[in-house]
Amino acid sequence: MYFQQGDVLLKSIDSVPSDAKDVAPRGRGLILAEGEVTGHYHAVPMEEVDDDIHMYEKNGTLYLSSTKDFTVEHDEHHTQSIPAGTYKIGIVKEYDHYEDEIQKVRD
């Protein structure tokens, strides 16, 4: 199962890699991705962060595990409700046929 908010993609997975490291929330919450230009960000808001939801990182890839439903917020997108589960966080990519290259979608 996949969930997308702008350029952020949450892919349902069975489990977080065992050697992934805990990522502490920052003042704004659990930051899934930050905008390259605007300073906007995709995040699980701080008021939802508790012992039921955790974010991890391994080799630059983020993972999120939650035993409760949660939301992802962004200044330019509707708030997205996500069911409890374990997710790999990714960035949507696009293929530029003129440049013959793959690049991240910019939000």
PDB file of N, CA and C in Angstrom:
ATOM      1  N   MET A   1       0.838  -1.161   0.000  1.00  0.00           N
ATOM      2  CA  MET A   1       0.000   0.000   0.000  1.00  0.00           C
ATOM      3  C   MET A   1       0.898   1.244   0.000  1.00  0.00           C
ATOM      4  N   TYR A   2       0.503   2.255  -0.762  1.00  0.00           N
ATOM      5  CA  TYR A   2       1.252   3.500  -0.866  1.00  0.00           C
ATOM      6  C   TYR A   2       0.371   4.674  -0.466  1.00  0.00           C
ATOM      7  N   PHE A   3       1.003   5.695   0.098  1.00  0.00           N
ATOM      8  CA  PHE A   3       0.345   6.959   0.375  1.00  0.00           C
ATOM      9  C   PHE A   3       1.278   8.048  -0.127  1.00  0.00           C
ATOM     10  N   GLN A   4       0.695   9.081  -0.759  1.00  0.00           N
ATOM     11  CA  GLN A   4       1.523  10.145  -1.308  1.00  0.00           C
ATOM     12  C   GLN A   4       0.970  11.498  -0.877  1.00  0.00           C
ATOM     13  N   GLN A   5       1.875  12.388  -0.504  1.00  0.00           N
ATOM     14  CA  GLN A   5       1.524  13.774  -0.241  1.00  0.00           C
ATOM     15  C   GLN A   5       2.566  14.618  -0.968  1.00  0.00           C
ATOM     16  N   GLY A   6       2.152  15.250  -2.060  1.00  0.00           N
ATOM     17  CA  GLY A   6       3.107  16.005  -2.863  1.00  0.00           C
ATOM     18  C   GLY A   6       4.191  15.082  -3.368  1.00  0.00           C
ATOM     19  N   ASP A   7       5.438  15.411  -3.075  1.00  0.00           N
ATOM     20  CA  ASP A   7       6.562  14.605  -3.553  1.00  0.00           C
ATOM     21  C   ASP A   7       6.988  13.519  -2.573  1.00  0.00           C
ATOM     22  N   VAL A   8       6.294  13.386  -1.430  1.00  0.00           N
ATOM     23  CA  VAL A   8       6.657  12.376  -0.427  1.00  0.00           C
ATOM     24  C   VAL A   8       5.784  11.135  -0.611  1.00  0.00           C
ATOM     25  N   LEU A   9       6.427   9.981  -0.589  1.00  0.00           N
ATOM     26  CA  LEU A   9       5.753   8.706  -0.773  1.00  0.00           C
ATOM     27  C   LEU A   9       6.000   7.823   0.441  1.00  0.00           C
ATOM     28  N   LEU A  10       4.937   7.288   1.022  1.00  0.00           N
ATOM     29  CA  LEU A  10       5.046   6.340   2.129  1.00  0.00           C
ATOM     30  C   LEU A  10       4.634   4.976   1.592  1.00  0.00           C
ATOM     31  N   LYS A  11       5.553   4.020   1.638  1.00  0.00           N
ATOM     32  CA  LYS A  11       5.303   2.673   1.139  1.00  0.00           C
ATOM     33  C   LYS A  11       5.206   1.724   2.328  1.00  0.00           C
ATOM     34  N   SER A  12       4.114   1.007   2.417  1.00  0.00           N
ATOM     35  CA  SER A  12       3.921   0.046   3.501  1.00  0.00           C
ATOM     36  C   SER A  12       4.928  -1.091   3.364  1.00  0.00           C
ATOM     37  N   ILE A  13       5.600  -1.417   4.489  1.00  0.00           N
ATOM     38  CA  ILE A  13       6.582  -2.506   4.514  1.00  0.00           C
ATOM     39  C   ILE A  13       6.311  -3.382   5.730  1.00  0.00           C
ATOM     40  N   ASP A  14       6.927  -4.545   5.759  1.00  0.00           N
ATOM     41  CA  ASP A  14       6.713  -5.475   6.868  1.00  0.00           C
ATOM     42  C   ASP A  14       7.407  -5.043   8.149  1.00  0.00           C
ATOM     43  N   SER A  15       8.643  -4.530   8.030  1.00  0.00           N
ATOM     44  CA  SER A  15       9.376  -4.152   9.237  1.00  0.00           C
ATOM     45  C   SER A  15      10.494  -3.180   8.901  1.00  0.00           C
ATOM     46  N   VAL A  16      10.922  -2.445   9.913  1.00  0.00           N
ATOM     47  CA  VAL A  16      12.055  -1.531   9.811  1.00  0.00           C
ATOM     48  C   VAL A  16      13.322  -2.380   9.883  1.00  0.00           C
ATOM     49  N   PRO A  17      14.353  -2.061   9.085  1.00  0.00           N
ATOM     50  CA  PRO A  17      15.614  -2.812   9.201  1.00  0.00           C
ATOM     51  C   PRO A  17      16.107  -2.813  10.649  1.00  0.00           C
ATOM     52  N   SER A  18      16.586  -3.954  11.097  1.00  0.00           N
ATOM     53  CA  SER A  18      16.961  -4.108  12.506  1.00  0.00           C
ATOM     54  C   SER A  18      18.093  -3.179  12.939  1.00  0.00           C
ATOM     55  N   ASP A  19      18.938  -2.756  12.002  1.00  0.00           N
ATOM     56  CA  ASP A  19      20.051  -1.885  12.375  1.00  0.00           C
ATOM     57  C   ASP A  19      19.801  -0.406  12.066  1.00  0.00           C
ATOM     58  N   ALA A  20      18.534  -0.053  11.802  1.00  0.00           N
ATOM     59  CA  ALA A  20      18.192   1.355  11.591  1.00  0.00           C
ATOM     60  C   ALA A  20      18.276   2.101  12.915  1.00  0.00           C
ATOM     61  N   LYS A  21      18.644   3.362  12.852  1.00  0.00           N
ATOM     62  CA  LYS A  21      18.821   4.195  14.048  1.00  0.00           C
ATOM     63  C   LYS A  21      17.585   5.055  14.294  1.00  0.00           C
ATOM     64  N   ASP A  22      17.242   5.222  15.568  1.00  0.00           N
ATOM     65  CA  ASP A  22      16.144   6.113  15.958  1.00  0.00           C
ATOM     66  C   ASP A  22      16.431   7.539  15.517  1.00  0.00           C
ATOM     67  N   VAL A  23      15.403   8.225  15.015  1.00  0.00           N
ATOM     68  CA  VAL A  23      15.498   9.638  14.664  1.00  0.00           C
ATOM     69  C   VAL A  23      14.596  10.397  15.628  1.00  0.00           C
ATOM     70  N   ALA A  24      15.173  11.317  16.363  1.00  0.00           N
ATOM     71  CA  ALA A  24      14.409  12.094  17.342  1.00  0.00           C
ATOM     72  C   ALA A  24      13.563  13.147  16.623  1.00  0.00           C
ATOM     73  N   PRO A  25      12.376  13.410  17.154  1.00  0.00           N
ATOM     74  CA  PRO A  25      11.575  14.492  16.571  1.00  0.00           C
ATOM     75  C   PRO A  25      12.270  15.830  16.792  1.00  0.00           C
ATOM     76  N   ARG A  26      12.026  16.752  15.867  1.00  0.00           N
ATOM     77  CA  ARG A  26      12.521  18.122  16.029  1.00  0.00           C
ATOM     78  C   ARG A  26      11.346  18.974  16.493  1.00  0.00           C
ATOM     79  N   GLY A  27      11.554  20.226  16.720  1.00  0.00           N
ATOM     80  CA  GLY A  27      10.509  21.113  17.239  1.00  0.00           C
ATOM     81  C   GLY A  27       9.202  21.068  16.475  1.00  0.00           C
ATOM     82  N   ARG A  28       9.275  20.761  15.177  1.00  0.00           N
ATOM     83  CA  ARG A  28       8.071  20.733  14.340  1.00  0.00           C
ATOM     84  C   ARG A  28       7.442  19.354  14.267  1.00  0.00           C
ATOM     85  N   GLY A  29       8.129  18.349  14.779  1.00  0.00           N
ATOM     86  CA  GLY A  29       7.617  16.981  14.737  1.00  0.00           C
ATOM     87  C   GLY A  29       8.601  16.046  14.064  1.00  0.00           C
ATOM     88  N   LEU A  30       8.081  14.990  13.471  1.00  0.00           N
ATOM     89  CA  LEU A  30       8.909  14.045  12.714  1.00  0.00           C
ATOM     90  C   LEU A  30       8.928  14.518  11.262  1.00  0.00           C
ATOM     91  N   ILE A  31      10.051  15.036  10.815  1.00  0.00           N
ATOM     92  CA  ILE A  31      10.177  15.625   9.480  1.00  0.00           C
ATOM     93  C   ILE A  31      10.483  14.523   8.471  1.00  0.00           C
ATOM     94  N   LEU A  32       9.541  14.298   7.539  1.00  0.00           N
ATOM     95  CA  LEU A  32       9.719  13.274   6.512  1.00  0.00           C
ATOM     96  C   LEU A  32      10.522  13.811   5.328  1.00  0.00           C
ATOM     97  N   ALA A  33      10.354  15.096   5.018  1.00  0.00           N
ATOM     98  CA  ALA A  33      11.098  15.729   3.921  1.00  0.00           C
ATOM     99  C   ALA A  33      10.958  17.239   4.059  1.00  0.00           C
ATOM    100  N   GLU A  34      12.017  17.936   3.641  1.00  0.00           N
ATOM    101  CA  GLU A  34      12.002  19.397   3.654  1.00  0.00           C
ATOM    102  C   GLU A  34      12.106  19.914   2.233  1.00  0.00           C
ATOM    103  N   GLY A  35      11.415  21.026   1.960  1.00  0.00           N
ATOM    104  CA  GLY A  35      11.453  21.639   0.641  1.00  0.00           C
ATOM    105  C   GLY A  35      12.821  22.193   0.316  1.00  0.00           C
ATOM    106  N   GLU A  36      13.190  22.142  -0.954  1.00  0.00           N
ATOM    107  CA  GLU A  36      14.494  22.619  -1.381  1.00  0.00           C
ATOM    108  C   GLU A  36      14.543  24.141  -1.445  1.00  0.00           C
ATOM    109  N   VAL A  37      13.403  24.774  -1.705  1.00  0.00           N
ATOM    110  CA  VAL A  37      13.388  26.208  -1.960  1.00  0.00           C
ATOM    111  C   VAL A  37      12.584  26.979  -0.918  1.00  0.00           C
ATOM    112  N   THR A  38      11.402  26.509  -0.592  1.00  0.00           N
ATOM    113  CA  THR A  38      10.453  27.290   0.208  1.00  0.00           C
ATOM    114  C   THR A  38      10.636  27.175   1.706  1.00  0.00           C
ATOM    115  N   GLY A  39      11.319  26.141   2.170  1.00  0.00           N
ATOM    116  CA  GLY A  39      11.429  25.923   3.610  1.00  0.00           C
ATOM    117  C   GLY A  39      10.247  25.154   4.178  1.00  0.00           C
ATOM    118  N   HIS A  40       9.271  24.821   3.323  1.00  0.00           N
ATOM    119  CA  HIS A  40       8.148  24.009   3.774  1.00  0.00           C
ATOM    120  C   HIS A  40       8.624  22.584   4.014  1.00  0.00           C
ATOM    121  N   TYR A  41       7.846  21.827   4.763  1.00  0.00           N
ATOM    122  CA  TYR A  41       8.250  20.466   5.093  1.00  0.00           C
ATOM    123  C   TYR A  41       7.027  19.568   5.268  1.00  0.00           C
ATOM    124  N   HIS A  42       7.234  18.282   5.066  1.00  0.00           N
ATOM    125  CA  HIS A  42       6.235  17.249   5.315  1.00  0.00           C
ATOM    126  C   HIS A  42       6.559  16.668   6.683  1.00  0.00           C
ATOM    127  N   ALA A  43       5.578  16.628   7.583  1.00  0.00           N
ATOM    128  CA  ALA A  43       5.876  16.168   8.940  1.00  0.00           C
ATOM    129  C   ALA A  43       4.665  15.565   9.623  1.00  0.00           C
ATOM    130  N   VAL A  44       4.959  14.635  10.520  1.00  0.00           N
ATOM    131  CA  VAL A  44       3.971  14.207  11.506  1.00  0.00           C
ATOM    132  C   VAL A  44       4.065  15.265  12.603  1.00  0.00           C
ATOM    133  N   PRO A  45       2.972  16.004  12.876  1.00  0.00           N
ATOM    134  CA  PRO A  45       3.060  17.115  13.822  1.00  0.00           C
ATOM    135  C   PRO A  45       3.441  16.664  15.234  1.00  0.00           C
ATOM    136  N   MET A  46       4.156  17.545  15.925  1.00  0.00           N
ATOM    137  CA  MET A  46       4.681  17.241  17.257  1.00  0.00           C
ATOM    138  C   MET A  46       3.596  16.764  18.211  1.00  0.00           C
ATOM    139  N   GLU A  47       2.389  17.311  18.107  1.00  0.00           N
ATOM    140  CA  GLU A  47       1.323  16.912  19.043  1.00  0.00           C
ATOM    141  C   GLU A  47       0.877  15.459  18.864  1.00  0.00           C
ATOM    142  N   GLU A  48       1.260  14.825  17.758  1.00  0.00           N
ATOM    143  CA  GLU A  48       0.934  13.410  17.543  1.00  0.00           C
ATOM    144  C   GLU A  48       2.085  12.481  17.929  1.00  0.00           C
ATOM    145  N   VAL A  49       3.264  13.030  18.157  1.00  0.00           N
ATOM    146  CA  VAL A  49       4.449  12.217  18.435  1.00  0.00           C
ATOM    147  C   VAL A  49       4.443  11.783  19.896  1.00  0.00           C
ATOM    148  N   ASP A  50       4.431  10.465  20.096  1.00  0.00           N
ATOM    149  CA  ASP A  50       4.481   9.887  21.441  1.00  0.00           C
ATOM    150  C   ASP A  50       5.130   8.510  21.341  1.00  0.00           C
ATOM    151  N   ASP A  51       4.956   7.684  22.350  1.00  0.00           N
ATOM    152  CA  ASP A  51       5.595   6.359  22.354  1.00  0.00           C
ATOM    153  C   ASP A  51       5.020   5.395  21.321  1.00  0.00           C
ATOM    154  N   ASP A  52       3.924   5.782  20.638  1.00  0.00           N
ATOM    155  CA  ASP A  52       3.303   4.909  19.637  1.00  0.00           C
ATOM    156  C   ASP A  52       3.834   5.132  18.225  1.00  0.00           C
ATOM    157  N   ILE A  53       4.639   6.165  18.029  1.00  0.00           N
ATOM    158  CA  ILE A  53       5.122   6.476  16.689  1.00  0.00           C
ATOM    159  C   ILE A  53       6.616   6.792  16.743  1.00  0.00           C
ATOM    160  N   HIS A  54       7.369   6.168  15.835  1.00  0.00           N
ATOM    161  CA  HIS A  54       8.828   6.337  15.821  1.00  0.00           C
ATOM    162  C   HIS A  54       9.321   6.443  14.382  1.00  0.00           C
ATOM    163  N   MET A  55      10.386   7.215  14.201  1.00  0.00           N
ATOM    164  CA  MET A  55      11.025   7.319  12.904  1.00  0.00           C
ATOM    165  C   MET A  55      12.453   6.794  13.038  1.00  0.00           C
ATOM    166  N   TYR A  56      12.944   6.153  11.971  1.00  0.00           N
ATOM    167  CA  TYR A  56      14.264   5.545  11.948  1.00  0.00           C
ATOM    168  C   TYR A  56      14.965   5.946  10.652  1.00  0.00           C
ATOM    169  N   GLU A  57      16.295   5.776  10.631  1.00  0.00           N
ATOM    170  CA  GLU A  57      17.080   6.078   9.442  1.00  0.00           C
ATOM    171  C   GLU A  57      18.153   5.014   9.253  1.00  0.00           C
ATOM    172  N   LYS A  58      18.334   4.619   8.006  1.00  0.00           N
ATOM    173  CA  LYS A  58      19.426   3.710   7.651  1.00  0.00           C
ATOM    174  C   LYS A  58      19.908   4.085   6.260  1.00  0.00           C
ATOM    175  N   ASN A  59      21.192   4.397   6.153  1.00  0.00           N
ATOM    176  CA  ASN A  59      21.810   4.737   4.866  1.00  0.00           C
ATOM    177  C   ASN A  59      21.052   5.829   4.109  1.00  0.00           C
ATOM    178  N   GLY A  60      20.562   6.837   4.833  1.00  0.00           N
ATOM    179  CA  GLY A  60      19.873   7.959   4.208  1.00  0.00           C
ATOM    180  C   GLY A  60      18.399   7.736   3.918  1.00  0.00           C
ATOM    181  N   THR A  61      17.887   6.548   4.208  1.00  0.00           N
ATOM    182  CA  THR A  61      16.471   6.249   3.995  1.00  0.00           C
ATOM    183  C   THR A  61      15.753   6.320   5.337  1.00  0.00           C
ATOM    184  N   LEU A  62      14.589   6.984   5.333  1.00  0.00           N
ATOM    185  CA  LEU A  62      13.781   7.097   6.544  1.00  0.00           C
ATOM    186  C   LEU A  62      12.699   6.029   6.575  1.00  0.00           C
ATOM    187  N   TYR A  63      12.362   5.593   7.781  1.00  0.00           N
ATOM    188  CA  TYR A  63      11.293   4.623   8.024  1.00  0.00           C
ATOM    189  C   TYR A  63      10.444   5.172   9.156  1.00  0.00           C
ATOM    190  N   LEU A  64       9.169   4.856   9.135  1.00  0.00           N
ATOM    191  CA  LEU A  64       8.270   5.306  10.193  1.00  0.00           C
ATOM    192  C   LEU A  64       7.416   4.124  10.619  1.00  0.00           C
ATOM    193  N   SER A  65       7.279   3.951  11.915  1.00  0.00           N
ATOM    194  CA  SER A  65       6.478   2.860  12.456  1.00  0.00           C
ATOM    195  C   SER A  65       5.522   3.430  13.499  1.00  0.00           C
ATOM    196  N   SER A  66       4.237   3.093  13.362  1.00  0.00           N
ATOM    197  CA  SER A  66       3.239   3.630  14.286  1.00  0.00           C
ATOM    198  C   SER A  66       2.177   2.584  14.589  1.00  0.00           C
ATOM    199  N   THR A  67       1.812   2.490  15.860  1.00  0.00           N
ATOM    200  CA  THR A  67       0.735   1.575  16.269  1.00  0.00           C
ATOM    201  C   THR A  67      -0.605   2.291  16.299  1.00  0.00           C
ATOM    202  N   LYS A  68      -0.632   3.545  15.856  1.00  0.00           N
ATOM    203  CA  LYS A  68      -1.884   4.314  15.790  1.00  0.00           C
ATOM    204  C   LYS A  68      -1.924   5.067  14.462  1.00  0.00           C
ATOM    205  N   ASP A  69      -3.129   5.426  14.034  1.00  0.00           N
ATOM    206  CA  ASP A  69      -3.259   6.262  12.845  1.00  0.00           C
ATOM    207  C   ASP A  69      -2.596   7.606  13.123  1.00  0.00           C
ATOM    208  N   PHE A  70      -2.070   8.255  12.081  1.00  0.00           N
ATOM    209  CA  PHE A  70      -1.400   9.538  12.247  1.00  0.00           C
ATOM    210  C   PHE A  70      -1.640  10.401  11.011  1.00  0.00           C
ATOM    211  N   THR A  71      -1.211  11.643  11.060  1.00  0.00           N
ATOM    212  CA  THR A  71      -1.358  12.527   9.914  1.00  0.00           C
ATOM    213  C   THR A  71      -0.007  13.064   9.480  1.00  0.00           C
ATOM    214  N   VAL A  72       0.058  13.432   8.201  1.00  0.00           N
ATOM    215  CA  VAL A  72       1.220  14.108   7.645  1.00  0.00           C
ATOM    216  C   VAL A  72       0.733  15.470   7.163  1.00  0.00           C
ATOM    217  N   GLU A  73       1.430  16.520   7.594  1.00  0.00           N
ATOM    218  CA  GLU A  73       1.039  17.879   7.254  1.00  0.00           C
ATOM    219  C   GLU A  73       2.090  18.543   6.369  1.00  0.00           C
ATOM    220  N   HIS A  74       1.622  19.516   5.578  1.00  0.00           N
ATOM    221  CA  HIS A  74       2.484  20.331   4.722  1.00  0.00           C
ATOM    222  C   HIS A  74       1.728  21.622   4.455  1.00  0.00           C
ATOM    223  N   ASP A  75       2.449  22.734   4.361  1.00  0.00           N
ATOM    224  CA  ASP A  75       1.808  24.037   4.165  1.00  0.00           C
ATOM    225  C   ASP A  75       1.026  24.158   2.865  1.00  0.00           C
ATOM    226  N   GLU A  76       1.411  23.420   1.839  1.00  0.00           N
ATOM    227  CA  GLU A  76       0.778  23.574   0.523  1.00  0.00           C
ATOM    228  C   GLU A  76      -0.103  22.396   0.105  1.00  0.00           C
ATOM    229  N   HIS A  77      -0.292  21.412   0.991  1.00  0.00           N
ATOM    230  CA  HIS A  77      -1.101  20.240   0.658  1.00  0.00           C
ATOM    231  C   HIS A  77      -2.126  19.993   1.757  1.00  0.00           C
ATOM    232  N   HIS A  78      -3.168  19.271   1.405  1.00  0.00           N
ATOM    233  CA  HIS A  78      -4.136  18.859   2.424  1.00  0.00           C
ATOM    234  C   HIS A  78      -3.459  17.904   3.398  1.00  0.00           C
ATOM    235  N   THR A  79      -3.893  17.944   4.645  1.00  0.00           N
ATOM    236  CA  THR A  79      -3.388  17.004   5.641  1.00  0.00           C
ATOM    237  C   THR A  79      -3.775  15.597   5.208  1.00  0.00           C
ATOM    238  N   GLN A  80      -2.828  14.689   5.270  1.00  0.00           N
ATOM    239  CA  GLN A  80      -3.041  13.308   4.832  1.00  0.00           C
ATOM    240  C   GLN A  80      -3.150  12.401   6.055  1.00  0.00           C
ATOM    241  N   SER A  81      -4.227  11.641   6.150  1.00  0.00           N
ATOM    242  CA  SER A  81      -4.388  10.653   7.221  1.00  0.00           C
ATOM    243  C   SER A  81      -3.762   9.341   6.772  1.00  0.00           C
ATOM    244  N   ILE A  82      -2.949   8.759   7.642  1.00  0.00           N
ATOM    245  CA  ILE A  82      -2.239   7.523   7.332  1.00  0.00           C
ATOM    246  C   ILE A  82      -2.606   6.486   8.401  1.00  0.00           C
ATOM    247  N   PRO A  83      -2.986   5.273   7.995  1.00  0.00           N
ATOM    248  CA  PRO A  83      -3.302   4.250   8.990  1.00  0.00           C
ATOM    249  C   PRO A  83      -2.052   3.721   9.701  1.00  0.00           C
ATOM    250  N   ALA A  84      -2.252   3.222  10.898  1.00  0.00           N
ATOM    251  CA  ALA A  84      -1.155   2.615  11.668  1.00  0.00           C
ATOM    252  C   ALA A  84      -0.435   1.598  10.793  1.00  0.00           C
ATOM    253  N   GLY A  85       0.882   1.524  10.950  1.00  0.00           N
ATOM    254  CA  GLY A  85       1.659   0.572  10.167  1.00  0.00           C
ATOM    255  C   GLY A  85       3.123   0.951  10.152  1.00  0.00           C
ATOM    256  N   THR A  86       3.868   0.286   9.278  1.00  0.00           N
ATOM    257  CA  THR A  86       5.291   0.522   9.122  1.00  0.00           C
ATOM    258  C   THR A  86       5.533   0.940   7.679  1.00  0.00           C
ATOM    259  N   TYR A  87       6.289   2.018   7.494  1.00  0.00           N
ATOM    260  CA  TYR A  87       6.447   2.624   6.179  1.00  0.00           C
ATOM    261  C   TYR A  87       7.903   2.979   5.881  1.00  0.00           C
ATOM    262  N   LYS A  88       8.247   2.846   4.605  1.00  0.00           N
ATOM    263  CA  LYS A  88       9.501   3.363   4.083  1.00  0.00           C
ATOM    264  C   LYS A  88       9.160   4.697   3.426  1.00  0.00           C
ATOM    265  N   ILE A  89       9.931   5.747   3.754  1.00  0.00           N
ATOM    266  CA  ILE A  89       9.669   7.077   3.237  1.00  0.00           C
ATOM    267  C   ILE A  89      10.545   7.319   2.019  1.00  0.00           C
ATOM    268  N   GLY A  90       9.926   7.745   0.943  1.00  0.00           N
ATOM    269  CA  GLY A  90      10.671   8.026  -0.271  1.00  0.00           C
ATOM    270  C   GLY A  90      10.232   9.330  -0.901  1.00  0.00           C
ATOM    271  N   ILE A  91      10.955   9.727  -1.923  1.00  0.00           N
ATOM    272  CA  ILE A  91      10.636  10.923  -2.694  1.00  0.00           C
ATOM    273  C   ILE A  91      10.259  10.473  -4.102  1.00  0.00           C
ATOM    274  N   VAL A  92       9.147  10.989  -4.600  1.00  0.00           N
ATOM    275  CA  VAL A  92       8.679  10.653  -5.939  1.00  0.00           C
ATOM    276  C   VAL A  92       9.718  11.138  -6.943  1.00  0.00           C
ATOM    277  N   LYS A  93       9.978  10.308  -7.947  1.00  0.00           N
ATOM    278  CA  LYS A  93      10.946  10.663  -8.984  1.00  0.00           C
ATOM    279  C   LYS A  93      10.226  10.735 -10.322  1.00  0.00           C
ATOM    280  N   GLU A  94      10.797  11.526 -11.214  1.00  0.00           N
ATOM    281  CA  GLU A  94      10.237  11.643 -12.555  1.00  0.00           C
ATOM    282  C   GLU A  94      11.351  11.455 -13.571  1.00  0.00           C
ATOM    283  N   TYR A  95      10.959  11.024 -14.754  1.00  0.00           N
ATOM    284  CA  TYR A  95      11.933  10.823 -15.821  1.00  0.00           C
ATOM    285  C   TYR A  95      11.787  11.964 -16.815  1.00  0.00           C
ATOM    286  N   ASP A  96      12.868  12.650 -17.085  1.00  0.00           N
ATOM    287  CA  ASP A  96      12.891  13.741 -18.052  1.00  0.00           C
ATOM    288  C   ASP A  96      13.370  13.155 -19.385  1.00  0.00           C
ATOM    289  N   HIS A  97      12.432  12.983 -20.313  1.00  0.00           N
ATOM    290  CA  HIS A  97      12.761  12.357 -21.599  1.00  0.00           C
ATOM    291  C   HIS A  97      13.692  13.229 -22.445  1.00  0.00           C
ATOM    292  N   TYR A  98      13.611  14.528 -22.273  1.00  0.00           N
ATOM    293  CA  TYR A  98      14.462  15.427 -23.053  1.00  0.00           C
ATOM    294  C   TYR A  98      15.903  15.400 -22.560  1.00  0.00           C
ATOM    295  N   GLU A  99      16.070  15.309 -21.255  1.00  0.00           N
ATOM    296  CA  GLU A  99      17.415  15.278 -20.677  1.00  0.00           C
ATOM    297  C   GLU A  99      17.919  13.850 -20.487  1.00  0.00           C
ATOM    298  N   ASP A 100      17.029  12.865 -20.696  1.00  0.00           N
ATOM    299  CA  ASP A 100      17.356  11.454 -20.535  1.00  0.00           C
ATOM    300  C   ASP A 100      17.927  11.177 -19.142  1.00  0.00           C
ATOM    301  N   GLU A 101      17.190  11.657 -18.122  1.00  0.00           N
ATOM    302  CA  GLU A 101      17.637  11.435 -16.752  1.00  0.00           C
ATOM    303  C   GLU A 101      16.445  11.330 -15.802  1.00  0.00           C
ATOM    304  N   ILE A 102      16.705  10.707 -14.664  1.00  0.00           N
ATOM    305  CA  ILE A 102      15.717  10.604 -13.602  1.00  0.00           C
ATOM    306  C   ILE A 102      16.070  11.629 -12.549  1.00  0.00           C
ATOM    307  N   GLN A 103      15.043  12.324 -12.042  1.00  0.00           N
ATOM    308  CA  GLN A 103      15.282  13.328 -11.020  1.00  0.00           C
ATOM    309  C   GLN A 103      14.149  13.321 -10.008  1.00  0.00           C
ATOM    310  N   LYS A 104      14.442  13.846  -8.821  1.00  0.00           N
ATOM    311  CA  LYS A 104      13.426  13.951  -7.793  1.00  0.00           C
ATOM    312  C   LYS A 104      12.403  14.996  -8.193  1.00  0.00           C
ATOM    313  N   VAL A 105      11.141  14.747  -7.858  1.00  0.00           N
ATOM    314  CA  VAL A 105      10.103  15.734  -8.057  1.00  0.00           C
ATOM    315  C   VAL A 105      10.328  16.837  -7.044  1.00  0.00           C
ATOM    316  N   ARG A 106      10.244  18.070  -7.468  1.00  0.00           N
ATOM    317  CA  ARG A 106      10.421  19.204  -6.544  1.00  0.00           C
ATOM    318  C   ARG A 106       9.065  19.708  -6.139  1.00  0.00           C
ATOM    319  N   ASP A 107       8.893  19.826  -4.843  1.00  0.00           N
ATOM    320  CA  ASP A 107       7.609  20.213  -4.272  1.00  0.00           C
ATOM    321  C   ASP A 107       7.607  21.683  -3.938  1.00  0.00           C
TER     322      ASP A 107
END
